[in-house]
Amino acid sequence: MRLLSSKLTDYVSRSPVVWVEGQVVQLTRRPGQTTCYLTLRDPDVDLSFNVSVHVRVLDALPTPLQDGSRVVMRARAQLFPRRGSLSLFAEQIRPVGVGELLAQLEHLRRLLTAEGLFSADRKRPLPFLPNVVGLICGRASAAERDVVENARRRWPAVRFEIRAVAVQGPKAVEDVVGALRSLDADPMVDVVVVARGGGSVEDLLPFSNEALLRVVSACRTPIVSAIGHEVDKPLLDLVADLAASTPTDAGKRIVPDMKAELDGIRQTRRRARQAVTSRLQREVATIASLRSRPVLADPHRLLTAQSDLITNQRERAARALANRLSHAHQDVDHLRQRVRALSPLATMERGYAVVSEPGGQVVRSAGEISPGDPLRIRVHEGEFAAEVTRQTQETQ
């Protein structure tokens, strides 16, 4: 057994490198290990081989290797004597069939990502209520029906400009690009929907075409991608301004819901009415509070108080003036009496007379006159003339 095993091991180790094709199952990759393990299965004959591969080979693939991927690998056979098992050591792995297509798409995705075509900054918002919706779809397709019916169910007045084109096959890219340019040039079209039902990777391949993606990125009109089902992810979803999960979802997202908008308007009007009513009630309450204050409850109250004050002041001023005049009258009377008491007329009234010379000089003593001198004698009630007949000088 030992010799046979050694001979077989030597024979297998000298066998040439081979190319084998199969489906990957049970891929095992542990962190920190440089070798990965997988099972390569031939589903036609139900035959499997254990395969070991260096992590560098897996990292060099354009897309991560996953269970179910179909690949072709360049491998060398290995025989382990102790276990008596035959396995393969893969030196190179290439995806084939769908795997190869996915690798190409991944390469294109990385290229366009580096150019910024998928950047969120380039995404344009959809119009709230488009004037005309451009629709690119297959002829008499379910996708067209889903978009149109769902959009009109939400907004019955929405208008469509439909371009029925090939959405599968060699002419698909050319037809879709032509329809895109036509609708983008129409000033009435506010948004364009590219819709198609589900399908295989090969069926949806036109919507990951580089030429189509660059035309979409150059459009001035917002583009909505509605390709396939939720699991379908063509590159058009990344470059479009909005990626709808299905054509039905696109029909719901390109127009507003009229019922919801009407409900919103009613709610807004109700809130506005409540706000105005509350404001008016607050203002009425404020005015009532102001009017209840004394100064506004009796507007003439302040004037009445001032009027009463002025009246009191006038009365006090009149009394003070009357008192002052009364005192002044009394003073004048006292002065008049004093003046009258000191006046020569008062003296003459008691029988005295004033003797003066004709020149008006008052005679104060007998020595100032001589016999024969004329005199004027003024008494209380008049005056008369006299002449000195004799002179008597009295001594004290």
Protein backbone atom coordinates (compact mmCIF):
# COMPACT_ATOMS: atom_id res chain seq x y z
CA MET A 1 0.00 0.00 0.00
CA ARG A 2 2.79 2.36 0.93
CA LEU A 3 4.65 1.68 -2.32
CA LEU A 4 1.51 2.00 -4.40
CA SER A 5 0.61 5.22 -2.71
CA SER A 6 4.11 6.57 -3.30
CA LYS A 7 4.04 5.59 -6.95
CA LEU A 8 0.61 7.16 -7.47
CA THR A 9 1.69 10.36 -5.71
CA ASP A 10 4.76 10.62 -7.90
CA TYR A 11 2.73 9.93 -11.01
CA VAL A 12 0.09 12.52 -10.15
CA SER A 13 2.70 15.15 -9.30
CA ARG A 14 4.24 14.71 -12.77
CA SER A 15 0.87 15.10 -14.50
CA PRO A 16 0.50 18.26 -16.61
CA VAL A 17 -1.48 21.34 -15.63
CA VAL A 18 -5.12 21.08 -16.81
CA TRP A 19 -8.04 23.43 -17.39
CA VAL A 20 -11.27 22.29 -15.78
CA GLU A 21 -14.73 23.86 -15.72
CA GLY A 22 -17.33 23.57 -13.05
CA GLN A 23 -19.57 25.25 -10.49
CA VAL A 24 -18.18 26.58 -7.23
CA VAL A 25 -19.82 25.28 -4.05
CA GLN A 26 -18.81 25.46 -0.39
CA LEU A 27 -16.23 28.23 -0.66
CA THR A 28 -14.31 28.56 2.62
CA ARG A 29 -12.07 31.55 3.30
CA ARG A 30 -10.83 32.11 6.82
CA PRO A 31 -9.28 35.39 7.99
CA GLY A 32 -5.52 35.28 8.33
CA GLN A 33 -5.05 32.14 6.19
CA THR A 34 -3.33 32.32 2.81
CA THR A 35 -5.07 29.26 1.38
CA CYS A 36 -8.78 28.96 0.63
CA TYR A 37 -10.77 25.83 -0.03
CA LEU A 38 -13.73 25.18 -2.27
CA THR A 39 -15.53 22.38 -4.03
CA LEU A 40 -15.70 22.35 -7.83
CA ARG A 41 -18.76 20.46 -8.98
CA ASP A 42 -19.75 19.21 -12.41
CA PRO A 43 -23.57 19.33 -12.28
CA ASP A 44 -23.93 17.25 -15.46
CA VAL A 45 -22.36 14.09 -14.03
CA ASP A 46 -22.62 14.92 -10.31
CA LEU A 47 -18.85 14.81 -9.81
CA SER A 48 -16.93 17.00 -7.34
CA PHE A 49 -13.29 17.85 -6.60
CA ASN A 50 -11.80 19.52 -3.59
CA VAL A 51 -9.78 22.56 -4.66
CA SER A 52 -7.26 24.64 -2.75
CA VAL A 53 -6.30 28.08 -4.00
CA HIS A 54 -4.10 30.93 -2.77
CA VAL A 55 -5.91 34.07 -1.64
CA ARG A 56 -3.96 36.10 -4.24
CA VAL A 57 -5.77 34.22 -7.00
CA LEU A 58 -9.18 35.07 -5.51
CA ASP A 59 -8.25 38.71 -4.91
CA ALA A 60 -7.21 39.07 -8.55
CA LEU A 61 -10.73 38.24 -9.77
CA PRO A 62 -12.80 41.20 -11.08
CA THR A 63 -15.75 40.12 -8.93
CA PRO A 64 -15.73 38.22 -5.64
CA LEU A 65 -16.13 34.49 -6.10
CA GLN A 66 -19.40 33.23 -4.68
CA ASP A 67 -21.17 29.93 -4.31
CA GLY A 68 -22.91 29.02 -7.55
CA SER A 69 -20.45 30.83 -9.81
CA ARG A 70 -19.43 28.96 -12.91
CA VAL A 71 -15.69 29.12 -13.54
CA VAL A 72 -12.85 27.60 -15.51
CA MET A 73 -9.60 27.14 -13.62
CA ARG A 74 -6.03 26.23 -14.42
CA ALA A 75 -5.12 23.63 -11.81
CA ARG A 76 -2.63 20.95 -10.91
CA ALA A 77 -3.71 17.60 -9.48
CA GLN A 78 -2.49 16.61 -6.00
CA LEU A 79 -2.69 13.25 -4.21
CA PHE A 80 -2.53 13.08 -0.43
CA PRO A 81 -1.17 9.58 0.46
CA ARG A 82 -2.35 9.44 4.04
CA ARG A 83 -5.95 10.28 3.19
CA GLY A 84 -5.81 8.70 -0.20
CA SER A 85 -7.73 11.66 -1.64
CA LEU A 86 -7.21 13.45 -4.94
CA SER A 87 -7.58 17.21 -5.06
CA LEU A 88 -6.69 20.18 -7.23
CA PHE A 89 -4.52 23.21 -6.59
CA ALA A 90 -5.84 26.17 -8.63
CA GLU A 91 -3.27 28.51 -10.10
CA GLN A 92 -5.71 30.68 -12.08
CA ILE A 93 -9.48 31.13 -12.08
CA ARG A 94 -11.65 32.79 -14.73
CA PRO A 95 -15.41 33.30 -14.58
CA VAL A 96 -17.34 31.94 -17.56
CA GLY A 97 -20.91 32.37 -18.83
CA VAL A 98 -22.88 34.61 -16.50
CA GLY A 99 -19.88 34.92 -14.26
CA GLU A 100 -17.88 36.46 -17.07
CA LEU A 101 -20.69 38.92 -17.84
CA LEU A 102 -20.89 39.89 -14.20
CA ALA A 103 -17.14 40.44 -14.15
CA GLN A 104 -17.38 42.72 -17.18
CA LEU A 105 -20.23 44.64 -15.57
CA GLU A 106 -18.25 44.99 -12.36
CA HIS A 107 -15.29 46.35 -14.30
CA LEU A 108 -17.54 48.87 -16.06
CA ARG A 109 -19.12 49.83 -12.74
CA ARG A 110 -15.71 50.56 -11.23
CA LEU A 111 -14.69 52.59 -14.26
CA LEU A 112 -17.83 54.76 -14.26
CA THR A 113 -17.69 55.14 -10.49
CA ALA A 114 -14.16 56.51 -10.80
CA GLU A 115 -15.44 59.00 -13.40
CA GLY A 116 -18.16 60.17 -11.01
CA LEU A 117 -21.17 59.14 -13.13
CA PHE A 118 -22.77 57.47 -10.11
CA SER A 119 -22.09 60.33 -7.70
CA ALA A 120 -25.02 61.42 -5.55
CA ASP A 121 -24.17 65.06 -6.28
CA ARG A 122 -25.27 64.53 -9.89
CA LYS A 123 -28.73 63.30 -8.94
CA ARG A 124 -31.49 65.75 -9.81
CA PRO A 125 -34.79 65.87 -7.91
CA LEU A 126 -37.93 64.87 -9.76
CA PRO A 127 -40.49 67.61 -10.41
CA PHE A 128 -43.39 67.64 -7.97
CA LEU A 129 -46.00 67.49 -10.73
CA PRO A 130 -44.54 66.87 -14.21
CA ASN A 131 -46.24 68.47 -17.19
CA VAL A 132 -45.59 65.43 -19.41
CA VAL A 133 -43.97 62.13 -18.44
CA GLY A 134 -41.79 60.47 -21.07
CA LEU A 135 -41.99 56.67 -21.00
CA ILE A 136 -39.58 54.33 -22.80
CA CYS A 137 -40.76 50.72 -22.72
CA GLY A 138 -41.40 47.63 -24.83
CA ARG A 139 -44.25 47.48 -27.27
CA ALA A 140 -47.54 46.60 -25.53
CA SER A 141 -45.55 45.55 -22.47
CA ALA A 142 -46.70 44.91 -18.93
CA ALA A 143 -44.16 47.51 -17.79
CA GLU A 144 -45.97 50.21 -19.79
CA ARG A 145 -49.30 49.20 -18.28
CA ASP A 146 -47.89 49.16 -14.73
CA VAL A 147 -46.36 52.64 -15.03
CA VAL A 148 -49.34 54.29 -16.73
CA GLU A 149 -52.08 52.71 -14.62
CA ASN A 150 -50.37 53.32 -11.28
CA ALA A 151 -49.51 56.91 -12.19
CA ARG A 152 -53.06 57.69 -13.35
CA ARG A 153 -54.49 56.01 -10.29
CA ARG A 154 -52.58 58.54 -8.19
CA TRP A 155 -52.99 61.54 -10.51
CA PRO A 156 -55.65 60.99 -13.20
CA ALA A 157 -54.66 64.07 -15.25
CA VAL A 158 -51.05 62.98 -15.82
CA ARG A 159 -49.99 62.96 -19.49
CA PHE A 160 -47.56 60.51 -21.10
CA GLU A 161 -45.34 60.67 -24.15
CA ILE A 162 -44.64 56.98 -24.82
CA ARG A 163 -41.82 55.62 -26.94
CA ALA A 164 -42.24 51.88 -27.65
CA VAL A 165 -38.82 50.43 -28.49
CA ALA A 166 -36.92 47.15 -28.40
CA VAL A 167 -35.82 46.48 -24.82
CA GLN A 168 -33.99 43.23 -25.57
CA GLY A 169 -31.64 42.09 -28.27
CA PRO A 170 -29.03 43.76 -30.49
CA LYS A 171 -31.18 46.82 -31.33
CA ALA A 172 -32.20 47.57 -27.77
CA VAL A 173 -29.37 49.99 -26.95
CA GLU A 174 -29.78 51.93 -30.21
CA ASP A 175 -33.57 52.23 -29.83
CA VAL A 176 -33.44 53.26 -26.16
CA VAL A 177 -30.72 55.84 -26.84
CA GLY A 178 -32.75 57.33 -29.72
CA ALA A 179 -35.88 57.52 -27.58
CA LEU A 180 -33.94 59.13 -24.73
CA ARG A 181 -32.54 61.84 -26.95
CA SER A 182 -35.94 62.51 -28.50
CA LEU A 183 -37.71 62.88 -25.16
CA ASP A 184 -34.84 64.87 -23.62
CA ALA A 185 -35.13 67.39 -26.47
CA ASP A 186 -38.89 67.85 -25.91
CA PRO A 187 -39.39 70.94 -23.68
CA MET A 188 -42.77 69.64 -22.52
CA VAL A 189 -41.29 66.47 -20.99
CA ASP A 190 -40.28 67.01 -17.35
CA VAL A 191 -39.22 63.44 -16.45
CA VAL A 192 -38.36 60.29 -18.42
CA VAL A 193 -39.03 56.73 -17.20
CA VAL A 194 -37.12 53.79 -18.71
CA ALA A 195 -39.16 50.69 -17.86
CA ARG A 196 -38.83 46.98 -18.54
CA GLY A 197 -40.03 43.81 -16.89
CA GLY A 198 -37.78 41.26 -15.25
CA GLY A 199 -35.46 38.84 -17.05
CA SER A 200 -32.13 37.10 -16.98
CA VAL A 201 -28.80 38.86 -16.76
CA GLU A 202 -28.38 38.54 -20.52
CA ASP A 203 -31.86 40.00 -21.12
CA LEU A 204 -31.12 43.06 -18.98
CA LEU A 205 -27.61 43.54 -20.34
CA PRO A 206 -28.58 46.47 -22.69
CA PHE A 207 -29.43 48.57 -19.62
CA SER A 208 -25.83 48.22 -18.42
CA ASN A 209 -24.38 49.29 -21.77
CA GLU A 210 -21.71 51.97 -21.45
CA ALA A 211 -23.00 54.05 -24.38
CA LEU A 212 -26.52 54.09 -22.92
CA LEU A 213 -25.24 55.01 -19.48
CA ARG A 214 -23.27 57.97 -20.82
CA VAL A 215 -26.30 59.25 -22.77
CA VAL A 216 -28.39 59.05 -19.57
CA SER A 217 -25.75 60.96 -17.61
CA ALA A 218 -25.78 63.74 -20.24
CA CYS A 219 -29.58 64.20 -20.26
CA ARG A 220 -30.94 67.49 -18.92
CA THR A 221 -34.24 65.80 -17.97
CA PRO A 222 -34.40 63.71 -14.77
CA ILE A 223 -34.29 59.98 -15.58
CA VAL A 224 -36.10 57.24 -13.65
CA SER A 225 -34.85 53.66 -13.99
CA ALA A 226 -37.55 50.99 -13.61
CA ILE A 227 -35.89 47.82 -14.87
CA GLY A 228 -36.98 44.35 -13.76
CA HIS A 229 -37.75 43.31 -10.24
CA GLU A 230 -36.21 44.34 -6.94
CA VAL A 231 -33.40 41.78 -7.29
CA ASP A 232 -32.39 43.08 -10.74
CA LYS A 233 -29.67 45.73 -10.50
CA PRO A 234 -28.59 46.99 -13.95
CA LEU A 235 -26.05 49.81 -14.02
CA LEU A 236 -28.80 52.13 -15.26
CA ASP A 237 -30.08 52.18 -11.67
CA LEU A 238 -26.80 53.77 -10.57
CA VAL A 239 -26.59 56.52 -13.18
CA ALA A 240 -30.32 57.42 -13.21
CA ASP A 241 -31.60 60.20 -10.97
CA LEU A 242 -34.04 57.78 -9.32
CA ALA A 243 -33.96 53.97 -9.27
CA ALA A 244 -37.42 52.47 -8.85
CA SER A 245 -37.59 48.87 -7.69
CA THR A 246 -40.23 47.95 -10.31
CA PRO A 247 -42.26 49.69 -13.04
CA THR A 248 -45.16 49.76 -10.59
CA ASP A 249 -42.98 51.58 -8.07
CA ALA A 250 -41.95 54.06 -10.78
CA GLY A 251 -45.60 54.84 -11.55
CA LYS A 252 -46.14 55.68 -7.88
CA ARG A 253 -43.06 57.87 -7.53
CA ILE A 254 -43.22 60.12 -10.60
CA VAL A 255 -46.49 61.84 -9.62
CA PRO A 256 -47.99 62.81 -6.25
CA ASP A 257 -51.02 61.10 -4.79
CA MET A 258 -53.98 63.39 -5.47
CA LYS A 259 -55.95 62.03 -2.52
CA ALA A 260 -53.01 62.56 -0.17
CA GLU A 261 -52.44 66.07 -1.53
CA LEU A 262 -56.12 66.97 -1.10
CA ASP A 263 -56.02 65.60 2.45
CA GLY A 264 -52.92 67.69 3.06
CA ILE A 265 -54.63 70.80 1.71
CA ARG A 266 -57.67 70.18 3.91
CA GLN A 267 -55.49 69.67 6.95
CA THR A 268 -53.51 72.80 6.14
CA ARG A 269 -56.69 74.83 5.74
CA ARG A 270 -58.04 73.44 9.00
CA ARG A 271 -54.83 74.28 10.82
CA ALA A 272 -54.80 77.74 9.25
CA ARG A 273 -58.43 78.31 10.27
CA GLN A 274 -57.67 77.15 13.80
CA ALA A 275 -54.61 79.38 13.94
CA VAL A 276 -56.58 82.43 12.74
CA THR A 277 -59.44 81.68 15.14
CA SER A 278 -57.05 81.27 18.06
CA ARG A 279 -55.28 84.49 17.12
CA LEU A 280 -58.56 86.39 16.93
CA GLN A 281 -59.66 84.98 20.29
CA ARG A 282 -56.38 86.03 21.87
CA GLU A 283 -56.68 89.52 20.39
CA VAL A 284 -60.31 89.84 21.55
CA ALA A 285 -59.27 88.74 25.03
CA THR A 286 -56.42 91.24 25.00
CA ILE A 287 -58.76 94.07 23.94
CA ALA A 288 -61.28 93.08 26.60
CA SER A 289 -58.51 93.10 29.21
CA LEU A 290 -57.38 96.55 28.07
CA ARG A 291 -60.92 97.90 28.06
CA SER A 292 -61.49 96.63 31.58
CA ARG A 293 -58.73 98.86 32.90
CA PRO A 294 -59.98 102.03 34.65
CA VAL A 295 -58.48 104.42 32.14
CA LEU A 296 -60.37 102.75 29.26
CA ALA A 297 -63.49 101.73 31.20
CA ASP A 298 -64.12 105.48 31.91
CA PRO A 299 -62.13 107.45 29.30
CA HIS A 300 -63.33 110.81 30.79
CA ARG A 301 -62.13 109.88 34.25
CA LEU A 302 -58.73 111.44 33.80
CA LEU A 303 -60.19 114.56 32.21
CA THR A 304 -62.77 114.84 35.01
CA ALA A 305 -60.06 114.65 37.64
CA GLN A 306 -58.01 117.30 35.85
CA SER A 307 -61.12 119.44 35.38
CA ASP A 308 -61.92 119.20 39.08
CA LEU A 309 -58.34 120.09 39.90
CA ILE A 310 -58.47 123.13 37.62
CA THR A 311 -61.80 124.21 39.12
CA ASN A 312 -60.39 123.91 42.64
CA GLN A 313 -57.33 125.88 41.64
CA ARG A 314 -59.45 128.58 40.05
CA GLU A 315 -61.63 128.81 43.16
CA ARG A 316 -58.57 128.99 45.39
CA ALA A 317 -57.04 131.63 43.10
CA ALA A 318 -60.29 133.64 43.18
CA ARG A 319 -60.44 133.44 46.96
CA ALA A 320 -56.81 134.39 47.27
CA LEU A 321 -57.30 137.34 44.90
CA ALA A 322 -60.40 138.45 46.77
CA ASN A 323 -58.51 138.29 50.05
CA ARG A 324 -55.63 140.23 48.58
CA LEU A 325 -57.99 142.90 47.21
CA SER A 326 -59.84 143.10 50.52
CA HIS A 327 -56.60 143.57 52.40
CA ALA A 328 -55.47 146.13 49.86
CA HIS A 329 -58.76 148.05 50.24
CA GLN A 330 -58.32 148.06 53.97
CA ASP A 331 -54.76 149.29 53.63
CA VAL A 332 -55.90 152.04 51.27
CA ASP A 333 -58.63 153.05 53.73
CA HIS A 334 -56.12 153.17 56.53
CA LEU A 335 -53.74 155.23 54.45
CA ARG A 336 -56.56 157.53 53.35
CA GLN A 337 -57.53 158.09 56.96
CA ARG A 338 -53.95 158.78 57.95
CA VAL A 339 -53.45 161.11 55.01
CA ARG A 340 -56.72 162.86 55.80
CA ALA A 341 -55.67 163.17 59.44
CA LEU A 342 -52.38 164.78 58.41
CA SER A 343 -53.87 166.92 55.65
CA PRO A 344 -54.14 170.76 56.30
CA LEU A 345 -57.76 170.50 55.10
CA ALA A 346 -58.54 168.35 58.08
CA THR A 347 -56.98 170.97 60.32
CA MET A 348 -58.84 173.76 58.60
CA GLU A 349 -62.02 171.78 59.01
CA ARG A 350 -61.60 172.21 62.71
CA GLY A 351 -61.55 176.01 62.28
CA TYR A 352 -57.99 176.77 61.36
CA ALA A 353 -56.96 178.91 58.37
CA VAL A 354 -53.85 179.28 56.22
CA VAL A 355 -52.58 182.86 55.75
CA SER A 356 -50.35 183.50 52.76
CA GLU A 357 -48.98 186.47 50.92
CA PRO A 358 -50.27 187.23 47.44
CA GLY A 359 -47.24 185.42 46.05
CA GLY A 360 -48.36 182.25 47.79
CA GLN A 361 -45.80 182.24 50.56
CA VAL A 362 -47.35 181.06 53.86
CA VAL A 363 -47.09 183.52 56.73
CA ARG A 364 -45.60 181.73 59.64
CA SER A 365 -45.07 184.63 62.11
CA ALA A 366 -46.33 188.17 62.62
CA GLY A 367 -42.91 189.51 61.96
CA GLU A 368 -43.14 188.48 58.28
CA ILE A 369 -45.89 191.00 57.52
CA SER A 370 -46.48 194.71 58.08
CA PRO A 371 -49.61 196.78 58.45
CA GLY A 372 -51.21 197.42 55.09
CA ASP A 373 -49.88 194.22 53.51
CA PRO A 374 -52.50 192.32 51.55
CA LEU A 375 -53.06 188.71 52.61
CA ARG A 376 -54.89 185.68 51.37
CA ILE A 377 -56.70 183.65 53.97
CA ARG A 378 -57.77 180.09 53.07
CA VAL A 379 -60.28 178.41 55.27
CA HIS A 380 -61.96 174.97 55.04
CA GLU A 381 -64.53 176.00 52.50
CA GLY A 382 -62.79 178.64 50.44
CA GLU A 383 -60.51 181.64 50.74
CA PHE A 384 -60.77 185.42 50.93
CA ALA A 385 -58.47 188.49 50.91
CA ALA A 386 -57.55 190.59 53.88
CA GLU A 387 -55.33 193.51 54.76
CA VAL A 388 -53.11 193.90 57.83
CA THR A 389 -54.36 196.75 59.96
CA ARG A 390 -52.18 196.23 62.90
CA GLN A 391 -49.53 193.88 64.04
CA THR A 392 -49.20 192.20 67.38
CA GLN A 393 -46.09 190.28 68.20
CA GLU A 394 -46.78 187.64 70.80
CA THR A 395 -44.00 186.37 72.99
CA GLN A 396 -43.88 183.05 74.61
